[in-house]
Amino acid sequence: MFKGTGLARDAKFGGEQTIVGYECDGCELEWREGLPYATGRDGTPENFTVVATAPASWDPTLKRFYDRMPLDRTGHAVMGLYTRGGTVFTCGSTDWAHGLNGKNPAVERITRNILDRLGK
Protein backbone atom coordinates (compact mmCIF):
# COMPACT_ATOMS: atom_id res chain seq x y z
CA MET A 1 0.00 0.00 0.00
CA PHE A 2 2.83 2.43 0.79
CA LYS A 3 5.18 1.29 -2.00
CA GLY A 4 6.61 4.28 -3.84
CA THR A 5 5.36 6.84 -1.31
CA GLY A 6 8.64 7.37 0.51
CA LEU A 7 6.69 7.11 3.79
CA ALA A 8 8.23 5.32 6.78
CA ARG A 9 7.04 4.53 10.29
CA ASP A 10 5.76 7.65 12.11
CA ALA A 11 5.56 9.63 8.84
CA LYS A 12 2.72 12.10 8.42
CA PHE A 13 0.75 12.77 5.26
CA GLY A 14 -2.48 14.47 4.21
CA GLY A 15 -2.60 17.03 7.00
CA GLU A 16 -2.29 19.97 4.64
CA GLN A 17 -5.41 18.80 2.82
CA THR A 18 -7.23 17.69 6.00
CA ILE A 19 -7.85 14.15 4.76
CA VAL A 20 -9.23 13.36 8.23
CA GLY A 21 -11.74 16.09 8.86
CA TYR A 22 -15.20 16.50 10.32
CA GLU A 23 -15.99 12.78 10.42
CA CYS A 24 -13.90 9.64 10.67
CA ASP A 25 -14.13 5.97 11.56
CA GLY A 26 -11.85 3.91 13.70
CA CYS A 27 -11.74 0.89 15.93
CA GLU A 28 -10.70 0.13 19.47
CA LEU A 29 -6.92 0.02 19.52
CA GLU A 30 -4.21 -1.23 21.79
CA TRP A 31 -0.60 -0.19 21.35
CA ARG A 32 2.23 -2.71 21.43
CA GLU A 33 5.85 -1.62 20.97
CA GLY A 34 4.59 1.67 19.53
CA LEU A 35 2.32 0.06 16.92
CA PRO A 36 -1.50 0.05 16.87
CA TYR A 37 -3.50 -3.18 16.81
CA ALA A 38 -7.26 -3.63 16.63
CA THR A 39 -8.54 -5.32 19.79
CA GLY A 40 -11.55 -6.87 18.05
CA ARG A 41 -13.71 -6.16 21.12
CA ASP A 42 -15.79 -3.68 19.12
CA GLY A 43 -16.56 -6.09 16.27
CA THR A 44 -13.53 -5.27 14.15
CA PRO A 45 -12.53 -8.41 12.19
CA GLU A 46 -9.81 -10.48 13.82
CA ASN A 47 -7.65 -10.30 10.69
CA PHE A 48 -7.83 -6.49 10.46
CA THR A 49 -4.39 -4.95 9.94
CA VAL A 50 -3.97 -1.33 11.01
CA VAL A 51 -1.63 0.47 8.60
CA ALA A 52 -2.16 4.11 9.64
CA THR A 53 -3.93 6.18 12.28
CA ALA A 54 -4.79 9.81 12.93
CA PRO A 55 -5.78 11.20 16.33
CA ALA A 56 -9.42 12.26 16.51
CA SER A 57 -11.60 14.02 19.07
CA TRP A 58 -14.91 15.87 19.22
CA ASP A 59 -14.86 19.50 18.13
CA PRO A 60 -16.27 21.39 21.13
CA THR A 61 -17.75 24.06 18.83
CA LEU A 62 -20.17 21.38 17.52
CA LYS A 63 -21.70 20.63 20.93
CA ARG A 64 -25.10 21.85 19.77
CA PHE A 65 -25.18 18.93 17.30
CA TYR A 66 -23.97 16.36 19.82
CA ASP A 67 -25.64 17.46 23.04
CA ARG A 68 -25.86 13.87 24.29
CA MET A 69 -22.31 12.91 23.34
CA PRO A 70 -19.34 13.16 25.70
CA LEU A 71 -17.03 15.79 24.22
CA ASP A 72 -13.99 14.44 26.04
CA ARG A 73 -14.04 11.28 23.94
CA THR A 74 -10.91 10.74 21.87
CA GLY A 75 -9.72 8.03 19.53
CA HIS A 76 -8.14 7.52 16.14
CA ALA A 77 -9.22 7.44 12.54
CA VAL A 78 -7.88 4.14 11.25
CA MET A 79 -6.69 3.00 7.83
CA GLY A 80 -6.51 -0.73 7.39
CA LEU A 81 -7.11 -3.94 5.51
CA TYR A 82 -8.80 -7.24 6.15
CA THR A 83 -10.14 -10.14 4.11
CA ARG A 84 -13.61 -11.62 4.11
CA GLY A 85 -14.31 -13.28 0.80
CA GLY A 86 -12.03 -10.63 -0.71
CA THR A 87 -9.77 -7.81 0.41
CA VAL A 88 -11.45 -4.87 2.16
CA PHE A 89 -9.66 -1.52 2.46
CA THR A 90 -10.84 1.31 4.69
CA CYS A 91 -9.30 4.75 4.94
CA GLY A 92 -11.46 5.70 7.95
CA SER A 93 -12.28 9.18 6.65
CA THR A 94 -14.91 10.93 4.59
CA ASP A 95 -12.27 13.40 3.40
CA TRP A 96 -9.69 11.18 1.65
CA ALA A 97 -10.71 12.89 -1.60
CA HIS A 98 -9.31 16.18 -0.27
CA GLY A 99 -5.85 14.65 -0.61
CA LEU A 100 -6.59 13.66 -4.19
CA ASN A 101 -8.01 17.08 -5.03
CA GLY A 102 -4.99 18.73 -3.37
CA LYS A 103 -2.64 16.46 -5.35
CA ASN A 104 -0.95 15.08 -2.23
CA PRO A 105 1.67 12.69 -3.66
CA ALA A 106 1.34 10.13 -0.84
CA VAL A 107 -2.47 10.06 -1.02
CA GLU A 108 -2.35 9.74 -4.80
CA ARG A 109 0.18 6.89 -4.67
CA ILE A 110 -1.63 4.99 -1.89
CA THR A 111 -4.87 5.30 -3.87
CA ARG A 112 -3.17 4.00 -7.03
CA ASN A 113 -1.58 1.13 -5.10
CA ILE A 114 -4.94 0.10 -3.61
CA LEU A 115 -6.75 0.33 -6.96
CA ASP A 116 -3.99 -1.68 -8.65
CA ARG A 117 -4.11 -4.36 -5.94
CA LEU A 118 -7.89 -4.65 -5.74
CA GLY A 119 -8.44 -4.25 -9.48
CA LYS A 120 -6.82 -7.60 -10.29
C-alpha atoms as a PDB file:
ATOM      1  CA  MET A   1       0.000   0.000   0.000  1.00  0.00           C
ATOM      2  CA  PHE A   2       2.829   2.431   0.787  1.00  0.00           C
ATOM      3  CA  LYS A   3       5.183   1.294  -2.001  1.00  0.00           C
ATOM      4  CA  GLY A   4       6.610   4.278  -3.845  1.00  0.00           C
ATOM      5  CA  THR A   5       5.356   6.841  -1.314  1.00  0.00           C
ATOM      6  CA  GLY A   6       8.641   7.374   0.513  1.00  0.00           C
ATOM      7  CA  LEU A   7       6.695   7.109   3.791  1.00  0.00           C
ATOM      8  CA  ALA A   8       8.226   5.323   6.780  1.00  0.00           C
ATOM      9  CA  ARG A   9       7.037   4.534  10.291  1.00  0.00           C
ATOM     10  CA  ASP A  10       5.763   7.648  12.115  1.00  0.00           C
ATOM     11  CA  ALA A  11       5.563   9.634   8.843  1.00  0.00           C
ATOM     12  CA  LYS A  12       2.717  12.100   8.425  1.00  0.00           C
ATOM     13  CA  PHE A  13       0.746  12.771   5.260  1.00  0.00           C
ATOM     14  CA  GLY A  14      -2.479  14.470   4.206  1.00  0.00           C
ATOM     15  CA  GLY A  15      -2.601  17.028   7.002  1.00  0.00           C
ATOM     16  CA  GLU A  16      -2.292  19.966   4.645  1.00  0.00           C
ATOM     17  CA  GLN A  17      -5.414  18.800   2.815  1.00  0.00           C
ATOM     18  CA  THR A  18      -7.234  17.693   5.998  1.00  0.00           C
ATOM     19  CA  ILE A  19      -7.850  14.147   4.764  1.00  0.00           C
ATOM     20  CA  VAL A  20      -9.226  13.362   8.230  1.00  0.00           C
ATOM     21  CA  GLY A  21     -11.740  16.093   8.858  1.00  0.00           C
ATOM     22  CA  TYR A  22     -15.196  16.501  10.325  1.00  0.00           C
ATOM     23  CA  GLU A  23     -15.990  12.783  10.423  1.00  0.00           C
ATOM     24  CA  CYS A  24     -13.898   9.642  10.675  1.00  0.00           C
ATOM     25  CA  ASP A  25     -14.129   5.974  11.559  1.00  0.00           C
ATOM     26  CA  GLY A  26     -11.847   3.912  13.699  1.00  0.00           C
ATOM     27  CA  CYS A  27     -11.739   0.889  15.926  1.00  0.00           C
ATOM     28  CA  GLU A  28     -10.700   0.128  19.466  1.00  0.00           C
ATOM     29  CA  LEU A  29      -6.916   0.023  19.520  1.00  0.00           C
ATOM     30  CA  GLU A  30      -4.208  -1.235  21.791  1.00  0.00           C
ATOM     31  CA  TRP A  31      -0.603  -0.186  21.355  1.00  0.00           C
ATOM     32  CA  ARG A  32       2.232  -2.707  21.426  1.00  0.00           C
ATOM     33  CA  GLU A  33       5.850  -1.617  20.975  1.00  0.00           C
ATOM     34  CA  GLY A  34       4.593   1.666  19.527  1.00  0.00           C
ATOM     35  CA  LEU A  35       2.319   0.064  16.920  1.00  0.00           C
ATOM     36  CA  PRO A  36      -1.499   0.052  16.869  1.00  0.00           C
ATOM     37  CA  TYR A  37      -3.496  -3.184  16.805  1.00  0.00           C
ATOM     38  CA  ALA A  38      -7.262  -3.629  16.633  1.00  0.00           C
ATOM     39  CA  THR A  39      -8.539  -5.316  19.791  1.00  0.00           C
ATOM     40  CA  GLY A  40     -11.552  -6.872  18.054  1.00  0.00           C
ATOM     41  CA  ARG A  41     -13.709  -6.163  21.125  1.00  0.00           C
ATOM     42  CA  ASP A  42     -15.793  -3.676  19.120  1.00  0.00           C
ATOM     43  CA  GLY A  43     -16.561  -6.088  16.265  1.00  0.00           C
ATOM     44  CA  THR A  44     -13.525  -5.266  14.149  1.00  0.00           C
ATOM     45  CA  PRO A  45     -12.526  -8.408  12.186  1.00  0.00           C
ATOM     46  CA  GLU A  46      -9.809 -10.483  13.822  1.00  0.00           C
ATOM     47  CA  ASN A  47      -7.654 -10.302  10.695  1.00  0.00           C
ATOM     48  CA  PHE A  48      -7.833  -6.488  10.458  1.00  0.00           C
ATOM     49  CA  THR A  49      -4.394  -4.951   9.944  1.00  0.00           C
ATOM     50  CA  VAL A  50      -3.967  -1.333  11.006  1.00  0.00           C
ATOM     51  CA  VAL A  51      -1.629   0.465   8.598  1.00  0.00           C
ATOM     52  CA  ALA A  52      -2.156   4.107   9.643  1.00  0.00           C
ATOM     53  CA  THR A  53      -3.928   6.180  12.283  1.00  0.00           C
ATOM     54  CA  ALA A  54      -4.791   9.812  12.930  1.00  0.00           C
ATOM     55  CA  PRO A  55      -5.781  11.200  16.330  1.00  0.00           C
ATOM     56  CA  ALA A  56      -9.420  12.258  16.515  1.00  0.00           C
ATOM     57  CA  SER A  57     -11.603  14.024  19.066  1.00  0.00           C
ATOM     58  CA  TRP A  58     -14.909  15.867  19.223  1.00  0.00           C
ATOM     59  CA  ASP A  59     -14.862  19.499  18.128  1.00  0.00           C
ATOM     60  CA  PRO A  60     -16.272  21.391  21.131  1.00  0.00           C
ATOM     61  CA  THR A  61     -17.754  24.059  18.825  1.00  0.00           C
ATOM     62  CA  LEU A  62     -20.169  21.383  17.517  1.00  0.00           C
ATOM     63  CA  LYS A  63     -21.695  20.625  20.933  1.00  0.00           C
ATOM     64  CA  ARG A  64     -25.099  21.848  19.765  1.00  0.00           C
ATOM     65  CA  PHE A  65     -25.176  18.933  17.303  1.00  0.00           C
ATOM     66  CA  TYR A  66     -23.971  16.357  19.820  1.00  0.00           C
ATOM     67  CA  ASP A  67     -25.636  17.464  23.040  1.00  0.00           C
ATOM     68  CA  ARG A  68     -25.857  13.871  24.293  1.00  0.00           C
ATOM     69  CA  MET A  69     -22.310  12.908  23.335  1.00  0.00           C
ATOM     70  CA  PRO A  70     -19.341  13.160  25.704  1.00  0.00           C
ATOM     71  CA  LEU A  71     -17.031  15.794  24.225  1.00  0.00           C
ATOM     72  CA  ASP A  72     -13.990  14.444  26.043  1.00  0.00           C
ATOM     73  CA  ARG A  73     -14.040  11.284  23.936  1.00  0.00           C
ATOM     74  CA  THR A  74     -10.906  10.745  21.872  1.00  0.00           C
ATOM     75  CA  GLY A  75      -9.724   8.029  19.528  1.00  0.00           C
ATOM     76  CA  HIS A  76      -8.143   7.523  16.143  1.00  0.00           C
ATOM     77  CA  ALA A  77      -9.218   7.444  12.543  1.00  0.00           C
ATOM     78  CA  VAL A  78      -7.879   4.141  11.252  1.00  0.00           C
ATOM     79  CA  MET A  79      -6.694   3.002   7.828  1.00  0.00           C
ATOM     80  CA  GLY A  80      -6.505  -0.732   7.391  1.00  0.00           C
ATOM     81  CA  LEU A  81      -7.106  -3.937   5.512  1.00  0.00           C
ATOM     82  CA  TYR A  82      -8.798  -7.237   6.148  1.00  0.00           C
ATOM     83  CA  THR A  83     -10.142 -10.142   4.113  1.00  0.00           C
ATOM     84  CA  ARG A  84     -13.605 -11.622   4.115  1.00  0.00           C
ATOM     85  CA  GLY A  85     -14.315 -13.281   0.795  1.00  0.00           C
ATOM     86  CA  GLY A  86     -12.028 -10.628  -0.710  1.00  0.00           C
ATOM     87  CA  THR A  87      -9.773  -7.815   0.409  1.00  0.00           C
ATOM     88  CA  VAL A  88     -11.446  -4.875   2.156  1.00  0.00           C
ATOM     89  CA  PHE A  89      -9.656  -1.522   2.456  1.00  0.00           C
ATOM     90  CA  THR A  90     -10.842   1.312   4.693  1.00  0.00           C
ATOM     91  CA  CYS A  91      -9.300   4.755   4.938  1.00  0.00           C
ATOM     92  CA  GLY A  92     -11.455   5.696   7.953  1.00  0.00           C
ATOM     93  CA  SER A  93     -12.277   9.179   6.654  1.00  0.00           C
ATOM     94  CA  THR A  94     -14.905  10.930   4.586  1.00  0.00           C
ATOM     95  CA  ASP A  95     -12.269  13.402   3.404  1.00  0.00           C
ATOM     96  CA  TRP A  96      -9.688  11.180   1.654  1.00  0.00           C
ATOM     97  CA  ALA A  97     -10.710  12.887  -1.598  1.00  0.00           C
ATOM     98  CA  HIS A  98      -9.308  16.177  -0.268  1.00  0.00           C
ATOM     99  CA  GLY A  99      -5.845  14.654  -0.611  1.00  0.00           C
ATOM    100  CA  LEU A 100      -6.589  13.663  -4.195  1.00  0.00           C
ATOM    101  CA  ASN A 101      -8.007  17.076  -5.026  1.00  0.00           C
ATOM    102  CA  GLY A 102      -4.989  18.725  -3.368  1.00  0.00           C
ATOM    103  CA  LYS A 103      -2.643  16.460  -5.346  1.00  0.00           C
ATOM    104  CA  ASN A 104      -0.952  15.081  -2.231  1.00  0.00           C
ATOM    105  CA  PRO A 105       1.674  12.690  -3.659  1.00  0.00           C
ATOM    106  CA  ALA A 106       1.344  10.129  -0.841  1.00  0.00           C
ATOM    107  CA  VAL A 107      -2.472  10.056  -1.018  1.00  0.00           C
ATOM    108  CA  GLU A 108      -2.353   9.741  -4.801  1.00  0.00           C
ATOM    109  CA  ARG A 109       0.180   6.889  -4.668  1.00  0.00           C
ATOM    110  CA  ILE A 110      -1.629   4.993  -1.894  1.00  0.00           C
ATOM    111  CA  THR A 111      -4.869   5.298  -3.874  1.00  0.00           C
ATOM    112  CA  ARG A 112      -3.169   4.002  -7.028  1.00  0.00           C
ATOM    113  CA  ASN A 113      -1.579   1.128  -5.097  1.00  0.00           C
ATOM    114  CA  ILE A 114      -4.936   0.103  -3.610  1.00  0.00           C
ATOM    115  CA  LEU A 115      -6.748   0.335  -6.956  1.00  0.00           C
ATOM    116  CA  ASP A 116      -3.987  -1.680  -8.651  1.00  0.00           C
ATOM    117  CA  ARG A 117      -4.107  -4.361  -5.938  1.00  0.00           C
ATOM    118  CA  LEU A 118      -7.892  -4.651  -5.744  1.00  0.00           C
ATOM    119  CA  GLY A 119      -8.440  -4.246  -9.482  1.00  0.00           C
ATOM    120  CA  LYS A 120      -6.823  -7.604 -10.295  1.00  0.00           C
END
